């Protein structure tokens, strides 16, 4: 008995393009609507960069034509050269690490306390009555007005800088946590009690998830605010950090280095905002408002 071998003709798979939200689209089968959707998605991703790139291009052109004095505003190419020189020497990364360490330490202290106090006053009416009025009065004192007092208390070392950052980031997280707890749907709480959840289970499974979106808004606001306060804090006799870098450059009229420091603050603030939005998408992936809908 002889074995019969059947030849199978293998046809190559069509080329495909990975379009976000559209899955893998075979080029041969992609219709005009699918291609238009893909191009629209690419356009949406590039659109936020149009204005910054356009402004930098105008800045470079104006500097090249002599419309802007290099002492007032150096060309972007000169700023990039200064940044490259600082990066190659390692000085840039040293100052960035110091500033990031100060910002994150202040956020951990002030944000942690804001979260705890927000949870307590939002959950217990007695603690709200006892603490909230005092906290709101302190909140209305500008952080910059505390600088003379902070110097008298802590001197000009790291403690003063951490105190200013911690106080500033405390209030956004506290307020948003407090309101997040209070705005949880009472119907959900009652339903949890009906299912026999204990107080801890009710808090963990119903109240905290319901308040999480508001808490993350406070975190996002605090992440931006901490860099603003850090700029001021690092002018208090700092010996390192981005603020020290810019202040030292000012003494020697190095405008390009000053701009490097300013752009670093902007970049770090943007990265912090991207990180906060990533946390929102991850921790609130169950929330309908944060779920991406496939096209």
C-alpha atoms as a PDB file:
ATOM      1  CA  UNK A   1       0.000   0.000   0.000  1.00  0.00           C
ATOM      2  CA  UNK A   2       1.590   3.231  -1.091  1.00  0.00           C
ATOM      3  CA  UNK A   3       1.245   6.467   0.779  1.00  0.00           C
ATOM      4  CA  UNK A   4      -0.360   9.226  -1.158  1.00  0.00           C
ATOM      5  CA  UNK A   5       1.199  12.612  -0.627  1.00  0.00           C
ATOM      6  CA  UNK A   6      -0.944  15.609  -1.316  1.00  0.00           C
ATOM      7  CA  UNK A   7       0.829  18.782  -2.207  1.00  0.00           C
ATOM      8  CA  UNK A   8      -0.450  21.830  -0.451  1.00  0.00           C
ATOM      9  CA  UNK A   9       0.009  25.199  -2.048  1.00  0.00           C
ATOM     10  CA  UNK A  10       0.976  27.754   0.580  1.00  0.00           C
ATOM     11  CA  UNK A  11       0.068  31.317  -0.193  1.00  0.00           C
ATOM     12  CA  UNK A  12       1.876  34.074   1.668  1.00  0.00           C
ATOM     13  CA  UNK A  13      -0.110  36.153   4.124  1.00  0.00           C
ATOM     14  CA  UNK A  14      -0.904  39.679   2.991  1.00  0.00           C
ATOM     15  CA  UNK A  15       1.144  42.468   4.455  1.00  0.00           C
ATOM     16  CA  UNK A  16      -0.505  44.114   7.398  1.00  0.00           C
ATOM     17  CA  UNK A  17      -0.256  47.404   9.155  1.00  0.00           C
ATOM     18  CA  UNK A  18      -0.816  47.781  12.882  1.00  0.00           C
ATOM     19  CA  UNK A  19      -3.214  50.665  13.364  1.00  0.00           C
ATOM     20  CA  UNK A  20      -3.924  51.665  16.975  1.00  0.00           C
ATOM     21  CA  UNK A  21      -7.546  51.015  17.743  1.00  0.00           C
ATOM     22  CA  UNK A  22      -8.023  49.200  14.428  1.00  0.00           C
ATOM     23  CA  UNK A  23      -5.986  46.029  14.969  1.00  0.00           C
ATOM     24  CA  UNK A  24      -3.949  44.555  12.124  1.00  0.00           C
ATOM     25  CA  UNK A  25      -5.314  45.764   8.810  1.00  0.00           C
ATOM     26  CA  UNK A  26      -4.343  43.798   5.673  1.00  0.00           C
ATOM     27  CA  UNK A  27      -3.240  46.362   3.145  1.00  0.00           C
ATOM     28  CA  UNK A  28      -5.004  44.519   0.374  1.00  0.00           C
ATOM     29  CA  UNK A  29      -8.330  44.530   2.210  1.00  0.00           C
ATOM     30  CA  UNK A  30      -8.120  47.927   3.900  1.00  0.00           C
ATOM     31  CA  UNK A  31     -10.889  50.150   2.674  1.00  0.00           C
ATOM     32  CA  UNK A  32     -10.791  53.932   2.353  1.00  0.00           C
ATOM     33  CA  UNK A  33     -12.573  54.346   5.687  1.00  0.00           C
ATOM     34  CA  UNK A  34      -9.970  52.232   7.520  1.00  0.00           C
ATOM     35  CA  UNK A  35      -7.050  54.033   5.909  1.00  0.00           C
ATOM     36  CA  UNK A  36      -8.653  57.378   6.739  1.00  0.00           C
ATOM     37  CA  UNK A  37      -9.122  56.276  10.354  1.00  0.00           C
ATOM     38  CA  UNK A  38      -5.466  55.237  10.562  1.00  0.00           C
ATOM     39  CA  UNK A  39      -4.277  58.559   9.128  1.00  0.00           C
ATOM     40  CA  UNK A  40      -6.611  60.429  11.449  1.00  0.00           C
ATOM     41  CA  UNK A  41      -5.118  58.596  14.439  1.00  0.00           C
ATOM     42  CA  UNK A  42      -1.591  59.511  13.314  1.00  0.00           C
ATOM     43  CA  UNK A  43      -2.686  63.118  12.870  1.00  0.00           C
ATOM     44  CA  UNK A  44      -4.145  63.219  16.368  1.00  0.00           C
ATOM     45  CA  UNK A  45      -0.838  61.991  17.788  1.00  0.00           C
ATOM     46  CA  UNK A  46       1.188  64.584  15.888  1.00  0.00           C
ATOM     47  CA  UNK A  47      -1.191  67.528  16.396  1.00  0.00           C
ATOM     48  CA  UNK A  48       0.001  68.478  19.940  1.00  0.00           C
ATOM     49  CA  UNK A  49       3.538  68.946  18.597  1.00  0.00           C
ATOM     50  CA  UNK A  50       2.592  71.394  15.841  1.00  0.00           C
ATOM     51  CA  UNK A  51       2.587  74.538  17.999  1.00  0.00           C
ATOM     52  CA  UNK A  52       5.818  73.789  19.977  1.00  0.00           C
ATOM     53  CA  UNK A  53       7.746  72.837  16.838  1.00  0.00           C
ATOM     54  CA  UNK A  54       6.394  75.889  15.009  1.00  0.00           C
ATOM     55  CA  UNK A  55       7.419  78.233  17.831  1.00  0.00           C
ATOM     56  CA  UNK A  56      10.919  76.745  17.967  1.00  0.00           C
ATOM     57  CA  UNK A  57      11.239  77.130  14.192  1.00  0.00           C
ATOM     58  CA  UNK A  58      10.175  80.797  14.376  1.00  0.00           C
ATOM     59  CA  UNK A  59      12.580  81.320  17.278  1.00  0.00           C
ATOM     60  CA  UNK A  60      15.467  79.857  15.258  1.00  0.00           C
ATOM     61  CA  UNK A  61      14.607  81.915  12.179  1.00  0.00           C
ATOM     62  CA  UNK A  62      14.327  85.145  14.189  1.00  0.00           C
ATOM     63  CA  UNK A  63      17.693  84.479  15.838  1.00  0.00           C
ATOM     64  CA  UNK A  64      19.361  83.643  12.523  1.00  0.00           C
ATOM     65  CA  UNK A  65      18.087  86.867  10.948  1.00  0.00           C
ATOM     66  CA  UNK A  66      19.314  88.925  13.895  1.00  0.00           C
ATOM     67  CA  UNK A  67      15.874  89.945  15.094  1.00  0.00           C
ATOM     68  CA  UNK A  68      16.645  88.580  18.569  1.00  0.00           C
ATOM     69  CA  UNK A  69      19.760  89.476  20.511  1.00  0.00           C
ATOM     70  CA  UNK A  70      21.748  86.447  21.679  1.00  0.00           C
ATOM     71  CA  UNK A  71      22.135  88.080  25.103  1.00  0.00           C
ATOM     72  CA  UNK A  72      18.368  88.310  25.444  1.00  0.00           C
ATOM     73  CA  UNK A  73      17.329  85.028  23.834  1.00  0.00           C
ATOM     74  CA  UNK A  74      19.941  82.720  22.280  1.00  0.00           C
ATOM     75  CA  UNK A  75      18.966  80.586  19.312  1.00  0.00           C
ATOM     76  CA  UNK A  76      17.586  77.084  19.995  1.00  0.00           C
ATOM     77  CA  UNK A  77      20.727  75.635  18.430  1.00  0.00           C
ATOM     78  CA  UNK A  78      22.864  77.457  21.015  1.00  0.00           C
ATOM     79  CA  UNK A  79      20.649  76.215  23.826  1.00  0.00           C
ATOM     80  CA  UNK A  80      21.006  72.654  22.525  1.00  0.00           C
ATOM     81  CA  UNK A  81      24.792  73.063  22.388  1.00  0.00           C
ATOM     82  CA  UNK A  82      24.838  74.242  26.002  1.00  0.00           C
ATOM     83  CA  UNK A  83      22.623  71.331  27.057  1.00  0.00           C
ATOM     84  CA  UNK A  84      24.857  68.871  25.194  1.00  0.00           C
ATOM     85  CA  UNK A  85      27.999  70.287  26.825  1.00  0.00           C
ATOM     86  CA  UNK A  86      26.459  70.001  30.299  1.00  0.00           C
ATOM     87  CA  UNK A  87      25.192  66.490  29.578  1.00  0.00           C
ATOM     88  CA  UNK A  88      28.553  65.237  28.288  1.00  0.00           C
ATOM     89  CA  UNK A  89      30.375  66.648  31.314  1.00  0.00           C
ATOM     90  CA  UNK A  90      27.886  64.933  33.648  1.00  0.00           C
ATOM     91  CA  UNK A  91      27.021  68.191  35.400  1.00  0.00           C
ATOM     92  CA  UNK A  92      23.494  68.229  33.985  1.00  0.00           C
ATOM     93  CA  UNK A  93      22.583  64.762  35.271  1.00  0.00           C
ATOM     94  CA  UNK A  94      23.969  65.556  38.726  1.00  0.00           C
ATOM     95  CA  UNK A  95      21.728  68.600  39.084  1.00  0.00           C
ATOM     96  CA  UNK A  96      18.706  66.767  37.636  1.00  0.00           C
ATOM     97  CA  UNK A  97      19.100  63.902  40.118  1.00  0.00           C
ATOM     98  CA  UNK A  98      19.353  66.307  43.051  1.00  0.00           C
ATOM     99  CA  UNK A  99      16.271  68.289  41.989  1.00  0.00           C
ATOM    100  CA  UNK A 100      14.249  65.147  41.248  1.00  0.00           C
ATOM    101  CA  UNK A 101      15.200  63.729  44.640  1.00  0.00           C
ATOM    102  CA  UNK A 102      14.031  66.874  46.425  1.00  0.00           C
ATOM    103  CA  UNK A 103      10.771  66.982  44.476  1.00  0.00           C
ATOM    104  CA  UNK A 104       9.928  63.319  45.036  1.00  0.00           C
ATOM    105  CA  UNK A 105      10.843  63.441  48.734  1.00  0.00           C
ATOM    106  CA  UNK A 106       8.619  66.482  49.256  1.00  0.00           C
ATOM    107  CA  UNK A 107       5.812  64.806  47.308  1.00  0.00           C
ATOM    108  CA  UNK A 108       6.096  61.639  49.391  1.00  0.00           C
ATOM    109  CA  UNK A 109       5.935  63.561  52.675  1.00  0.00           C
ATOM    110  CA  UNK A 110       3.306  66.162  51.799  1.00  0.00           C
ATOM    111  CA  UNK A 111       1.275  63.904  49.517  1.00  0.00           C
ATOM    112  CA  UNK A 112       1.266  61.067  52.034  1.00  0.00           C
ATOM    113  CA  UNK A 113       0.050  63.352  54.819  1.00  0.00           C
ATOM    114  CA  UNK A 114      -2.549  64.918  52.518  1.00  0.00           C
ATOM    115  CA  UNK A 115      -3.880  61.479  51.594  1.00  0.00           C
ATOM    116  CA  UNK A 116      -4.101  60.346  55.227  1.00  0.00           C
ATOM    117  CA  UNK A 117      -5.787  63.528  56.459  1.00  0.00           C
ATOM    118  CA  UNK A 118      -8.152  63.540  53.475  1.00  0.00           C
ATOM    119  CA  UNK A 119      -9.210  59.960  54.164  1.00  0.00           C
ATOM    120  CA  UNK A 120      -9.713  60.680  57.865  1.00  0.00           C
ATOM    121  CA  UNK A 121     -11.697  63.909  57.514  1.00  0.00           C
ATOM    122  CA  UNK A 122     -13.684  62.518  54.598  1.00  0.00           C
ATOM    123  CA  UNK A 123     -14.653  59.395  56.520  1.00  0.00           C
ATOM    124  CA  UNK A 124     -15.208  60.701  60.060  1.00  0.00           C
ATOM    125  CA  UNK A 125     -17.487  63.699  60.625  1.00  0.00           C
ATOM    126  CA  UNK A 126     -15.919  64.470  64.004  1.00  0.00           C
ATOM    127  CA  UNK A 127     -12.447  64.766  62.467  1.00  0.00           C
ATOM    128  CA  UNK A 128     -13.819  66.984  59.710  1.00  0.00           C
ATOM    129  CA  UNK A 129     -15.259  69.348  62.299  1.00  0.00           C
ATOM    130  CA  UNK A 130     -12.038  69.251  64.312  1.00  0.00           C
ATOM    131  CA  UNK A 131      -9.443  69.631  61.548  1.00  0.00           C
ATOM    132  CA  UNK A 132     -10.886  70.909  58.274  1.00  0.00           C
ATOM    133  CA  UNK A 133     -11.371  74.561  59.267  1.00  0.00           C
ATOM    134  CA  UNK A 134      -7.786  74.830  60.496  1.00  0.00           C
ATOM    135  CA  UNK A 135      -6.425  73.164  57.364  1.00  0.00           C
ATOM    136  CA  UNK A 136      -8.427  75.511  55.131  1.00  0.00           C
ATOM    137  CA  UNK A 137      -7.059  78.559  56.962  1.00  0.00           C
ATOM    138  CA  UNK A 138      -3.478  77.366  56.532  1.00  0.00           C
ATOM    139  CA  UNK A 139      -4.190  76.559  52.871  1.00  0.00           C
ATOM    140  CA  UNK A 140      -4.891  80.229  52.137  1.00  0.00           C
ATOM    141  CA  UNK A 141      -1.386  81.256  53.234  1.00  0.00           C
ATOM    142  CA  UNK A 142       0.835  81.462  50.116  1.00  0.00           C
ATOM    143  CA  UNK A 143       3.790  79.112  50.301  1.00  0.00           C
ATOM    144  CA  UNK A 144       6.124  81.918  49.221  1.00  0.00           C
ATOM    145  CA  UNK A 145       5.027  84.004  52.221  1.00  0.00           C
ATOM    146  CA  UNK A 146       6.385  81.270  54.483  1.00  0.00           C
ATOM    147  CA  UNK A 147       9.952  81.547  53.174  1.00  0.00           C
ATOM    148  CA  UNK A 148      11.253  84.011  55.832  1.00  0.00           C
ATOM    149  CA  UNK A 149       9.707  81.926  58.605  1.00  0.00           C
ATOM    150  CA  UNK A 150      10.989  78.679  57.101  1.00  0.00           C
ATOM    151  CA  UNK A 151      14.533  80.072  56.989  1.00  0.00           C
ATOM    152  CA  UNK A 152      14.250  81.075  60.660  1.00  0.00           C
ATOM    153  CA  UNK A 153      12.982  77.601  61.565  1.00  0.00           C
ATOM    154  CA  UNK A 154      15.159  75.336  59.447  1.00  0.00           C
ATOM    155  CA  UNK A 155      17.974  77.516  58.143  1.00  0.00           C
ATOM    156  CA  UNK A 156      18.981  77.190  54.495  1.00  0.00           C
ATOM    157  CA  UNK A 157      19.651  73.469  54.305  1.00  0.00           C
ATOM    158  CA  UNK A 158      17.610  70.709  52.647  1.00  0.00           C
ATOM    159  CA  UNK A 159      14.947  70.690  55.372  1.00  0.00           C
ATOM    160  CA  UNK A 160      13.695  74.132  54.352  1.00  0.00           C
ATOM    161  CA  UNK A 161      13.310  73.076  50.724  1.00  0.00           C
ATOM    162  CA  UNK A 162      11.519  69.838  51.612  1.00  0.00           C
ATOM    163  CA  UNK A 163       9.181  71.721  53.949  1.00  0.00           C
ATOM    164  CA  UNK A 164       8.101  74.184  51.245  1.00  0.00           C
ATOM    165  CA  UNK A 165       7.459  71.418  48.710  1.00  0.00           C
ATOM    166  CA  UNK A 166       5.622  69.244  51.243  1.00  0.00           C
ATOM    167  CA  UNK A 167       3.321  72.058  52.348  1.00  0.00           C
ATOM    168  CA  UNK A 168       2.497  72.961  48.755  1.00  0.00           C
ATOM    169  CA  UNK A 169       1.589  69.448  47.582  1.00  0.00           C
ATOM    170  CA  UNK A 170      -0.324  68.627  50.780  1.00  0.00           C
ATOM    171  CA  UNK A 171      -3.419  70.683  50.009  1.00  0.00           C
ATOM    172  CA  UNK A 172      -4.360  69.513  46.472  1.00  0.00           C
ATOM    173  CA  UNK A 173      -4.212  65.869  47.523  1.00  0.00           C
ATOM    174  CA  UNK A 174      -6.020  66.565  50.797  1.00  0.00           C
ATOM    175  CA  UNK A 175      -8.898  68.483  49.180  1.00  0.00           C
ATOM    176  CA  UNK A 176      -9.398  66.030  46.319  1.00  0.00           C
ATOM    177  CA  UNK A 177      -9.227  63.028  48.643  1.00  0.00           C
ATOM    178  CA  UNK A 178     -11.752  64.611  51.007  1.00  0.00           C
ATOM    179  CA  UNK A 179     -14.206  65.413  48.219  1.00  0.00           C
ATOM    180  CA  UNK A 180     -13.634  62.054  46.551  1.00  0.00           C
ATOM    181  CA  UNK A 181     -14.637  60.215  49.721  1.00  0.00           C
ATOM    182  CA  UNK A 182     -17.678  62.437  50.256  1.00  0.00           C
ATOM    183  CA  UNK A 183     -18.879  62.108  46.657  1.00  0.00           C
ATOM    184  CA  UNK A 184     -19.030  58.313  46.594  1.00  0.00           C
ATOM    185  CA  UNK A 185     -22.537  57.228  45.572  1.00  0.00           C
ATOM    186  CA  UNK A 186     -24.492  56.395  48.773  1.00  0.00           C
ATOM    187  CA  UNK A 187     -26.389  53.768  46.799  1.00  0.00           C
ATOM    188  CA  UNK A 188     -23.165  51.828  46.238  1.00  0.00           C
ATOM    189  CA  UNK A 189     -22.369  51.964  49.944  1.00  0.00           C
ATOM    190  CA  UNK A 190     -25.841  50.721  50.823  1.00  0.00           C
ATOM    191  CA  UNK A 191     -25.547  47.932  48.271  1.00  0.00           C
ATOM    192  CA  UNK A 192     -22.222  46.874  49.806  1.00  0.00           C
ATOM    193  CA  UNK A 193     -23.821  46.708  53.224  1.00  0.00           C
ATOM    194  CA  UNK A 194     -26.651  44.653  51.780  1.00  0.00           C
ATOM    195  CA  UNK A 195     -24.118  42.123  50.490  1.00  0.00           C
ATOM    196  CA  UNK A 196     -22.713  41.830  54.003  1.00  0.00           C
ATOM    197  CA  UNK A 197     -19.380  43.592  53.501  1.00  0.00           C
ATOM    198  CA  UNK A 198     -17.514  44.484  56.658  1.00  0.00           C
ATOM    199  CA  UNK A 199     -16.420  48.076  57.269  1.00  0.00           C
ATOM    200  CA  UNK A 200     -12.910  47.402  55.983  1.00  0.00           C
ATOM    201  CA  UNK A 201     -14.212  45.520  52.945  1.00  0.00           C
ATOM    202  CA  UNK A 202     -16.687  48.319  52.250  1.00  0.00           C
ATOM    203  CA  UNK A 203     -13.903  50.887  52.463  1.00  0.00           C
ATOM    204  CA  UNK A 204     -11.530  48.868  50.294  1.00  0.00           C
ATOM    205  CA  UNK A 205     -13.959  47.593  47.670  1.00  0.00           C
ATOM    206  CA  UNK A 206     -16.435  50.489  47.356  1.00  0.00           C
ATOM    207  CA  UNK A 207     -15.328  53.769  48.922  1.00  0.00           C
ATOM    208  CA  UNK A 208     -11.666  53.882  47.860  1.00  0.00           C
ATOM    209  CA  UNK A 209     -12.337  52.852  44.229  1.00  0.00           C
ATOM    210  CA  UNK A 210     -15.129  55.419  44.069  1.00  0.00           C
ATOM    211  CA  UNK A 211     -12.831  58.178  45.328  1.00  0.00           C
ATOM    212  CA  UNK A 212      -9.785  57.106  43.323  1.00  0.00           C
ATOM    213  CA  UNK A 213     -10.441  59.310  40.291  1.00  0.00           C
ATOM    214  CA  UNK A 214     -10.619  62.409  42.495  1.00  0.00           C
ATOM    215  CA  UNK A 215      -7.487  61.386  44.420  1.00  0.00           C
ATOM    216  CA  UNK A 216      -5.552  60.989  41.176  1.00  0.00           C
ATOM    217  CA  UNK A 217      -6.657  64.452  40.045  1.00  0.00           C
ATOM    218  CA  UNK A 218      -5.117  65.815  43.239  1.00  0.00           C
ATOM    219  CA  UNK A 219      -1.943  63.836  42.592  1.00  0.00           C
ATOM    220  CA  UNK A 220      -1.708  65.161  39.050  1.00  0.00           C
ATOM    221  CA  UNK A 221      -2.114  68.736  40.228  1.00  0.00           C
ATOM    222  CA  UNK A 222       0.478  68.208  42.977  1.00  0.00           C
ATOM    223  CA  UNK A 223       3.000  66.740  40.540  1.00  0.00           C
ATOM    224  CA  UNK A 224       2.871  69.950  38.532  1.00  0.00           C
ATOM    225  CA  UNK A 225       2.886  72.219  41.569  1.00  0.00           C
ATOM    226  CA  UNK A 226       5.919  70.581  43.169  1.00  0.00           C
ATOM    227  CA  UNK A 227       8.157  71.697  40.272  1.00  0.00           C
ATOM    228  CA  UNK A 228       6.896  75.273  40.540  1.00  0.00           C
ATOM    229  CA  UNK A 229       7.712  75.413  44.255  1.00  0.00           C
ATOM    230  CA  UNK A 230      11.014  73.620  43.697  1.00  0.00           C
ATOM    231  CA  UNK A 231      12.162  76.486  41.455  1.00  0.00           C
ATOM    232  CA  UNK A 232      11.679  78.908  44.341  1.00  0.00           C
ATOM    233  CA  UNK A 233      13.004  76.505  46.976  1.00  0.00           C
ATOM    234  CA  UNK A 234      16.247  75.963  45.095  1.00  0.00           C
ATOM    235  CA  UNK A 235      16.976  79.690  45.112  1.00  0.00           C
ATOM    236  CA  UNK A 236      17.399  79.513  48.916  1.00  0.00           C
ATOM    237  CA  UNK A 237      21.188  79.183  48.970  1.00  0.00           C
ATOM    238  CA  UNK A 238      21.257  75.850  47.140  1.00  0.00           C
ATOM    239  CA  UNK A 239      24.604  74.273  46.277  1.00  0.00           C
ATOM    240  CA  UNK A 240      23.202  71.872  43.705  1.00  0.00           C
ATOM    241  CA  UNK A 241      20.101  71.283  41.629  1.00  0.00           C
ATOM    242  CA  UNK A 242      18.590  72.857  38.525  1.00  0.00           C
ATOM    243  CA  UNK A 243      17.795  76.049  40.432  1.00  0.00           C
ATOM    244  CA  UNK A 244      21.421  76.376  41.483  1.00  0.00           C
ATOM    245  CA  UNK A 245      22.498  75.769  37.884  1.00  0.00           C
ATOM    246  CA  UNK A 246      20.314  78.594  36.564  1.00  0.00           C
ATOM    247  CA  UNK A 247      21.194  81.035  39.361  1.00  0.00           C
ATOM    248  CA  UNK A 248      24.893  80.392  38.869  1.00  0.00           C
ATOM    249  CA  UNK A 249      24.523  80.875  35.102  1.00  0.00           C
ATOM    250  CA  UNK A 250      22.753  84.176  35.712  1.00  0.00           C
ATOM    251  CA  UNK A 251      25.784  85.499  37.596  1.00  0.00           C
ATOM    252  CA  UNK A 252      27.961  84.854  34.540  1.00  0.00           C
ATOM    253  CA  UNK A 253      25.346  86.053  32.003  1.00  0.00           C
ATOM    254  CA  UNK A 254      25.027  82.561  30.491  1.00  0.00           C
ATOM    255  CA  UNK A 255      21.541  82.998  29.065  1.00  0.00           C
ATOM    256  CA  UNK A 256      21.734  79.722  27.155  1.00  0.00           C
ATOM    257  CA  UNK A 257      22.342  77.768  30.377  1.00  0.00           C
ATOM    258  CA  UNK A 258      19.496  79.633  32.090  1.00  0.00           C
ATOM    259  CA  UNK A 259      17.196  78.533  29.271  1.00  0.00           C
ATOM    260  CA  UNK A 260      18.457  74.960  29.638  1.00  0.00           C
ATOM    261  CA  UNK A 261      17.366  75.035  33.285  1.00  0.00           C
ATOM    262  CA  UNK A 262      13.956  76.482  32.415  1.00  0.00           C
ATOM    263  CA  UNK A 263      13.387  73.876  29.712  1.00  0.00           C
ATOM    264  CA  UNK A 264      14.446  71.133  32.121  1.00  0.00           C
ATOM    265  CA  UNK A 265      11.760  72.224  34.580  1.00  0.00           C
ATOM    266  CA  UNK A 266       9.207  72.191  31.759  1.00  0.00           C
ATOM    267  CA  UNK A 267      10.328  68.751  30.568  1.00  0.00           C
ATOM    268  CA  UNK A 268      10.284  67.236  34.056  1.00  0.00           C
ATOM    269  CA  UNK A 269       6.848  68.720  34.683  1.00  0.00           C
ATOM    270  CA  UNK A 270       5.565  67.215  31.432  1.00  0.00           C
ATOM    271  CA  UNK A 271       7.037  63.809  32.301  1.00  0.00           C
ATOM    272  CA  UNK A 272       5.365  63.977  35.716  1.00  0.00           C
ATOM    273  CA  UNK A 273       2.030  64.746  34.046  1.00  0.00           C
ATOM    274  CA  UNK A 274       2.458  61.834  31.615  1.00  0.00           C
ATOM    275  CA  UNK A 275       3.219  59.566  34.576  1.00  0.00           C
ATOM    276  CA  UNK A 276       0.083  60.747  36.399  1.00  0.00           C
ATOM    277  CA  UNK A 277      -2.070  60.142  33.320  1.00  0.00           C
ATOM    278  CA  UNK A 278      -0.565  56.672  32.989  1.00  0.00           C
ATOM    279  CA  UNK A 279      -1.550  55.926  36.586  1.00  0.00           C
ATOM    280  CA  UNK A 280      -5.074  57.128  35.830  1.00  0.00           C
ATOM    281  CA  UNK A 281      -5.388  54.837  32.821  1.00  0.00           C
ATOM    282  CA  UNK A 282      -4.009  51.849  34.748  1.00  0.00           C
ATOM    283  CA  UNK A 283      -5.787  52.202  38.083  1.00  0.00           C
ATOM    284  CA  UNK A 284      -9.048  53.369  36.510  1.00  0.00           C
ATOM    285  CA  UNK A 285      -9.097  50.876  33.632  1.00  0.00           C
ATOM    286  CA  UNK A 286     -12.384  49.562  35.036  1.00  0.00           C
ATOM    287  CA  UNK A 287     -13.958  53.043  34.743  1.00  0.00           C
ATOM    288  CA  UNK A 288     -16.008  53.632  31.554  1.00  0.00           C
ATOM    289  CA  UNK A 289     -14.472  57.076  31.130  1.00  0.00           C
ATOM    290  CA  UNK A 290     -10.957  55.621  30.865  1.00  0.00           C
ATOM    291  CA  UNK A 291     -11.694  52.665  28.620  1.00  0.00           C
ATOM    292  CA  UNK A 292     -10.595  53.057  25.012  1.00  0.00           C
ATOM    293  CA  UNK A 293     -13.238  52.170  22.477  1.00  0.00           C
ATOM    294  CA  UNK A 294     -12.006  50.318  19.429  1.00  0.00           C
ATOM    295  CA  UNK A 295     -12.923  51.965  16.157  1.00  0.00           C
END
